[in-house]
């Protein structure tokens, strides 16, 4: 029994693989009005976001490693690509959060 879709029926998946990347970042609005927000609240929020994102990245890396250990060789590349897609996005978010913390919340700013 196959676990993957039949390659002779690509029309079923054509719409899914049409990449439309449109991320939204609702928190950006808060940074536009940063001068009107309490610095401590922003710092606390960013610290919590950094911590949660670091935990998520650790979990994803561990889950990826465990998952790949049980997968047949033929699925390794596809599953690695899926995990890495998520890991790279979370890593970018973490770098942004740390950079924002340094810019807006460090002493003297």
N, C-alpha and C. Protein backbone atom coordinates (compact mmCIF):
# COMPACT_ATOMS: atom_id res chain seq x y z
N UNK A 1 0.85 -1.19 0.00
CA UNK A 1 0.00 0.00 0.00
C UNK A 1 0.89 1.24 0.00
N UNK A 2 0.58 2.17 -0.88
CA UNK A 2 1.36 3.40 -0.96
C UNK A 2 0.91 4.38 0.12
N UNK A 3 1.88 5.10 0.66
CA UNK A 3 1.56 6.11 1.66
C UNK A 3 1.57 7.51 1.07
N UNK A 4 2.08 7.62 -0.18
CA UNK A 4 2.13 8.92 -0.85
C UNK A 4 1.16 8.92 -2.01
N UNK A 5 0.74 10.10 -2.46
CA UNK A 5 -0.19 10.18 -3.57
C UNK A 5 0.40 9.60 -4.85
N UNK A 6 -0.46 9.09 -5.69
CA UNK A 6 -0.09 8.55 -6.99
C UNK A 6 0.46 9.67 -7.87
N UNK A 7 1.64 9.47 -8.45
CA UNK A 7 2.28 10.49 -9.28
C UNK A 7 1.53 10.75 -10.58
N UNK A 8 0.61 9.89 -10.94
CA UNK A 8 -0.14 10.08 -12.19
C UNK A 8 -1.31 11.03 -12.03
N UNK A 9 -1.53 11.55 -10.84
CA UNK A 9 -2.67 12.43 -10.59
C UNK A 9 -2.21 13.78 -10.04
N UNK A 10 -1.31 14.49 -10.73
CA UNK A 10 -0.79 15.75 -10.19
C UNK A 10 -1.81 16.87 -10.13
N UNK A 11 -2.88 16.81 -10.89
CA UNK A 11 -3.88 17.88 -10.88
C UNK A 11 -4.48 18.08 -9.50
N UNK A 12 -4.57 17.01 -8.74
CA UNK A 12 -5.14 17.11 -7.39
C UNK A 12 -4.30 17.99 -6.47
N UNK A 13 -3.01 18.08 -6.76
CA UNK A 13 -2.10 18.79 -5.89
C UNK A 13 -1.56 20.07 -6.51
N UNK A 14 -1.94 20.35 -7.73
CA UNK A 14 -1.43 21.51 -8.44
C UNK A 14 -1.68 22.81 -7.67
N UNK A 15 -2.89 22.97 -7.16
CA UNK A 15 -3.23 24.20 -6.44
C UNK A 15 -2.41 24.35 -5.15
N UNK A 16 -2.15 23.26 -4.50
CA UNK A 16 -1.40 23.29 -3.25
C UNK A 16 0.03 23.77 -3.46
N UNK A 17 0.65 23.37 -4.56
CA UNK A 17 2.05 23.71 -4.78
C UNK A 17 2.25 25.05 -5.48
N UNK A 18 1.20 25.79 -5.67
CA UNK A 18 1.33 27.14 -6.20
C UNK A 18 1.67 28.04 -5.02
N UNK A 19 2.93 28.41 -4.92
CA UNK A 19 3.42 29.14 -3.76
C UNK A 19 2.90 30.58 -3.74
N UNK A 20 2.23 30.90 -2.67
CA UNK A 20 1.75 32.26 -2.42
C UNK A 20 2.19 32.62 -1.00
N UNK A 21 3.31 33.25 -0.92
CA UNK A 21 3.88 33.56 0.38
C UNK A 21 3.47 34.97 0.78
N UNK A 22 2.60 35.06 1.76
CA UNK A 22 2.11 36.35 2.25
C UNK A 22 2.01 36.33 3.77
N UNK A 23 3.15 36.36 4.41
CA UNK A 23 3.08 36.35 5.88
C UNK A 23 2.54 37.68 6.40
N UNK A 24 1.88 37.60 7.52
CA UNK A 24 1.39 38.81 8.18
C UNK A 24 2.00 38.86 9.58
N UNK A 25 2.36 40.04 9.98
CA UNK A 25 2.99 40.23 11.28
C UNK A 25 2.23 41.34 12.01
N UNK A 26 1.20 40.96 12.74
CA UNK A 26 0.37 41.94 13.41
C UNK A 26 1.14 42.75 14.45
N UNK A 27 2.20 42.17 15.00
CA UNK A 27 2.98 42.90 16.01
C UNK A 27 3.72 44.10 15.42
N UNK A 28 3.92 44.11 14.11
CA UNK A 28 4.61 45.25 13.49
C UNK A 28 3.88 46.56 13.75
N UNK A 29 2.57 46.52 13.81
CA UNK A 29 1.80 47.74 14.08
C UNK A 29 2.18 48.34 15.43
N UNK A 30 2.43 47.49 16.40
CA UNK A 30 2.82 47.97 17.73
C UNK A 30 4.16 48.70 17.67
N UNK A 31 5.07 48.20 16.86
CA UNK A 31 6.38 48.84 16.77
C UNK A 31 6.33 50.17 16.04
N UNK A 32 5.37 50.32 15.17
CA UNK A 32 5.21 51.61 14.50
C UNK A 32 4.83 52.68 15.52
N UNK A 33 4.05 52.28 16.53
CA UNK A 33 3.61 53.21 17.57
C UNK A 33 4.39 53.01 18.87
N UNK A 34 5.62 52.57 18.75
CA UNK A 34 6.43 52.25 19.92
C UNK A 34 6.54 53.41 20.91
N UNK A 35 6.64 54.61 20.41
CA UNK A 35 6.79 55.77 21.30
C UNK A 35 5.59 55.96 22.22
N UNK A 36 4.46 55.35 21.87
CA UNK A 36 3.24 55.50 22.68
C UNK A 36 3.00 54.29 23.58
N UNK A 37 3.93 53.34 23.58
CA UNK A 37 3.76 52.13 24.38
C UNK A 37 4.75 52.13 25.54
N UNK A 38 4.42 51.41 26.57
CA UNK A 38 5.28 51.30 27.74
C UNK A 38 6.46 50.38 27.40
N UNK A 39 7.65 50.90 27.57
CA UNK A 39 8.87 50.16 27.22
C UNK A 39 8.96 48.82 27.96
N UNK A 40 8.58 48.81 29.22
CA UNK A 40 8.64 47.57 30.01
C UNK A 40 7.74 46.48 29.46
N UNK A 41 6.57 46.87 29.00
CA UNK A 41 5.63 45.89 28.44
C UNK A 41 6.17 45.30 27.15
N UNK A 42 6.78 46.15 26.32
CA UNK A 42 7.37 45.67 25.08
C UNK A 42 8.53 44.72 25.39
N UNK A 43 9.38 45.10 26.33
CA UNK A 43 10.52 44.25 26.70
C UNK A 43 10.05 42.90 27.21
N UNK A 44 9.06 42.91 28.08
CA UNK A 44 8.53 41.67 28.64
C UNK A 44 7.93 40.79 27.55
N UNK A 45 7.18 41.40 26.65
CA UNK A 45 6.57 40.66 25.56
C UNK A 45 7.61 40.05 24.63
N UNK A 46 8.64 40.83 24.29
CA UNK A 46 9.70 40.32 23.43
C UNK A 46 10.48 39.19 24.11
N UNK A 47 10.76 39.34 25.40
CA UNK A 47 11.47 38.29 26.13
C UNK A 47 10.67 36.99 26.13
N UNK A 48 9.37 37.10 26.36
CA UNK A 48 8.51 35.91 26.34
C UNK A 48 8.48 35.29 24.94
N UNK A 49 8.42 36.14 23.93
CA UNK A 49 8.41 35.65 22.55
C UNK A 49 9.73 34.95 22.21
N UNK A 50 10.83 35.53 22.63
CA UNK A 50 12.14 34.93 22.40
C UNK A 50 12.22 33.55 23.06
N UNK A 51 11.80 33.48 24.31
CA UNK A 51 11.84 32.22 25.05
C UNK A 51 10.98 31.15 24.38
N UNK A 52 9.77 31.52 24.01
CA UNK A 52 8.86 30.57 23.37
C UNK A 52 9.41 30.11 22.02
N UNK A 53 9.98 31.02 21.27
CA UNK A 53 10.52 30.68 19.96
C UNK A 53 11.74 29.78 20.09
N UNK A 54 12.59 30.04 21.08
CA UNK A 54 13.75 29.18 21.33
C UNK A 54 13.29 27.76 21.69
N UNK A 55 12.26 27.66 22.52
CA UNK A 55 11.74 26.34 22.90
C UNK A 55 11.15 25.63 21.69
N UNK A 56 10.47 26.36 20.85
CA UNK A 56 9.88 25.77 19.65
C UNK A 56 10.97 25.25 18.72
N UNK A 57 12.03 26.04 18.53
CA UNK A 57 13.14 25.60 17.68
C UNK A 57 13.81 24.34 18.24
N UNK A 58 14.00 24.29 19.53
CA UNK A 58 14.59 23.11 20.16
C UNK A 58 13.70 21.90 19.94
N UNK A 59 12.40 22.08 20.14
CA UNK A 59 11.46 20.98 19.92
C UNK A 59 11.49 20.51 18.47
N UNK A 60 11.45 21.45 17.52
CA UNK A 60 11.46 21.08 16.11
C UNK A 60 12.72 20.30 15.73
N UNK A 61 13.86 20.75 16.21
CA UNK A 61 15.11 20.04 15.91
C UNK A 61 15.10 18.62 16.49
N UNK A 62 14.63 18.48 17.73
CA UNK A 62 14.56 17.16 18.36
C UNK A 62 13.55 16.27 17.65
N UNK A 63 12.41 16.83 17.31
CA UNK A 63 11.36 16.07 16.63
C UNK A 63 11.83 15.64 15.24
N UNK A 64 12.52 16.52 14.55
CA UNK A 64 13.08 16.20 13.23
C UNK A 64 14.04 15.01 13.34
N UNK A 65 14.94 15.08 14.30
CA UNK A 65 15.93 14.02 14.48
C UNK A 65 15.26 12.67 14.78
N UNK A 66 14.29 12.68 15.68
CA UNK A 66 13.59 11.44 16.04
C UNK A 66 12.78 10.91 14.87
N UNK A 67 12.11 11.82 14.16
CA UNK A 67 11.28 11.41 13.03
C UNK A 67 12.13 10.79 11.92
N UNK A 68 13.23 11.45 11.58
CA UNK A 68 14.08 10.95 10.50
C UNK A 68 14.68 9.58 10.83
N UNK A 69 14.89 9.31 12.10
CA UNK A 69 15.45 8.02 12.51
C UNK A 69 14.52 6.86 12.18
N UNK A 70 13.23 7.12 12.08
CA UNK A 70 12.25 6.07 11.83
C UNK A 70 11.75 6.01 10.39
N UNK A 71 12.14 6.96 9.58
CA UNK A 71 11.63 7.00 8.21
C UNK A 71 12.51 6.22 7.24
N UNK A 72 11.90 5.59 6.26
CA UNK A 72 12.69 4.95 5.21
C UNK A 72 13.48 6.01 4.43
N UNK A 73 14.58 5.61 3.86
CA UNK A 73 15.47 6.49 3.11
C UNK A 73 14.72 7.30 2.05
N UNK A 74 13.77 6.70 1.39
CA UNK A 74 13.07 7.37 0.28
C UNK A 74 12.27 8.60 0.72
N UNK A 75 11.98 8.74 2.02
CA UNK A 75 11.21 9.88 2.51
C UNK A 75 12.08 10.93 3.22
N UNK A 76 13.33 10.64 3.41
CA UNK A 76 14.21 11.51 4.18
C UNK A 76 14.31 12.93 3.61
N UNK A 77 14.52 13.06 2.31
CA UNK A 77 14.69 14.38 1.72
C UNK A 77 13.42 15.22 1.84
N UNK A 78 12.28 14.62 1.56
CA UNK A 78 11.02 15.37 1.61
C UNK A 78 10.70 15.83 3.03
N UNK A 79 10.88 14.94 3.98
CA UNK A 79 10.57 15.28 5.37
C UNK A 79 11.58 16.29 5.90
N UNK A 80 12.83 16.16 5.53
CA UNK A 80 13.84 17.14 5.94
C UNK A 80 13.46 18.51 5.41
N UNK A 81 13.03 18.58 4.17
CA UNK A 81 12.63 19.86 3.58
C UNK A 81 11.46 20.48 4.35
N UNK A 82 10.51 19.68 4.74
CA UNK A 82 9.35 20.18 5.49
C UNK A 82 9.78 20.72 6.85
N UNK A 83 10.55 19.93 7.57
CA UNK A 83 11.04 20.40 8.88
C UNK A 83 11.87 21.66 8.73
N UNK A 84 12.78 21.66 7.76
CA UNK A 84 13.66 22.81 7.59
C UNK A 84 12.90 24.07 7.22
N UNK A 85 11.81 23.93 6.49
CA UNK A 85 10.99 25.09 6.15
C UNK A 85 10.50 25.77 7.43
N UNK A 86 10.01 24.99 8.35
CA UNK A 86 9.52 25.53 9.63
C UNK A 86 10.68 26.06 10.48
N UNK A 87 11.75 25.30 10.55
CA UNK A 87 12.90 25.70 11.36
C UNK A 87 13.47 27.03 10.88
N UNK A 88 13.61 27.19 9.58
CA UNK A 88 14.16 28.43 9.04
C UNK A 88 13.27 29.63 9.34
N UNK A 89 11.96 29.45 9.27
CA UNK A 89 11.05 30.55 9.59
C UNK A 89 11.12 30.91 11.07
N UNK A 90 11.14 29.91 11.94
CA UNK A 90 11.25 30.19 13.37
C UNK A 90 12.60 30.82 13.71
N UNK A 91 13.66 30.38 13.03
CA UNK A 91 14.97 30.97 13.26
C UNK A 91 14.98 32.45 12.85
N UNK A 92 14.37 32.76 11.72
CA UNK A 92 14.29 34.16 11.29
C UNK A 92 13.49 34.98 12.30
N UNK A 93 12.40 34.43 12.81
CA UNK A 93 11.59 35.13 13.81
C UNK A 93 12.39 35.37 15.08
N UNK A 94 13.16 34.39 15.49
CA UNK A 94 13.99 34.53 16.69
C UNK A 94 15.03 35.62 16.50
N UNK A 95 15.69 35.63 15.36
CA UNK A 95 16.69 36.67 15.10
C UNK A 95 16.05 38.05 15.09
N UNK A 96 14.86 38.18 14.50
CA UNK A 96 14.14 39.46 14.50
C UNK A 96 13.80 39.88 15.92
N UNK A 97 13.29 38.96 16.73
CA UNK A 97 12.89 39.30 18.11
C UNK A 97 14.09 39.74 18.94
N UNK A 98 15.21 39.05 18.80
CA UNK A 98 16.41 39.43 19.54
C UNK A 98 16.94 40.78 19.07
N UNK A 99 16.92 41.00 17.79
CA UNK A 99 17.37 42.29 17.24
C UNK A 99 16.45 43.41 17.74
N UNK A 100 15.16 43.19 17.70
CA UNK A 100 14.20 44.20 18.17
C UNK A 100 14.39 44.50 19.64
N UNK A 101 14.64 43.45 20.42
CA UNK A 101 14.88 43.66 21.85
C UNK A 101 16.10 44.55 22.05
N UNK A 102 17.16 44.27 21.33
CA UNK A 102 18.38 45.07 21.45
C UNK A 102 18.14 46.52 21.03
N UNK A 103 17.39 46.73 20.01
CA UNK A 103 17.13 48.08 19.50
C UNK A 103 16.22 48.88 20.43
N UNK A 104 15.14 48.26 20.87
CA UNK A 104 14.10 49.00 21.59
C UNK A 104 14.17 48.89 23.11
N UNK A 105 14.81 47.86 23.62
CA UNK A 105 14.65 47.59 25.05
C UNK A 105 15.93 47.62 25.86
N UNK A 106 17.07 47.69 25.24
CA UNK A 106 18.30 47.73 26.02
C UNK A 106 18.39 49.05 26.78
N UNK A 107 19.19 49.07 27.78
CA UNK A 107 19.35 50.26 28.60
C UNK A 107 19.84 51.43 27.75
N UNK A 108 19.28 52.58 27.99
CA UNK A 108 19.70 53.79 27.31
C UNK A 108 19.02 54.06 25.99
N UNK A 109 18.14 53.15 25.55
CA UNK A 109 17.47 53.41 24.28
C UNK A 109 16.11 54.02 24.46
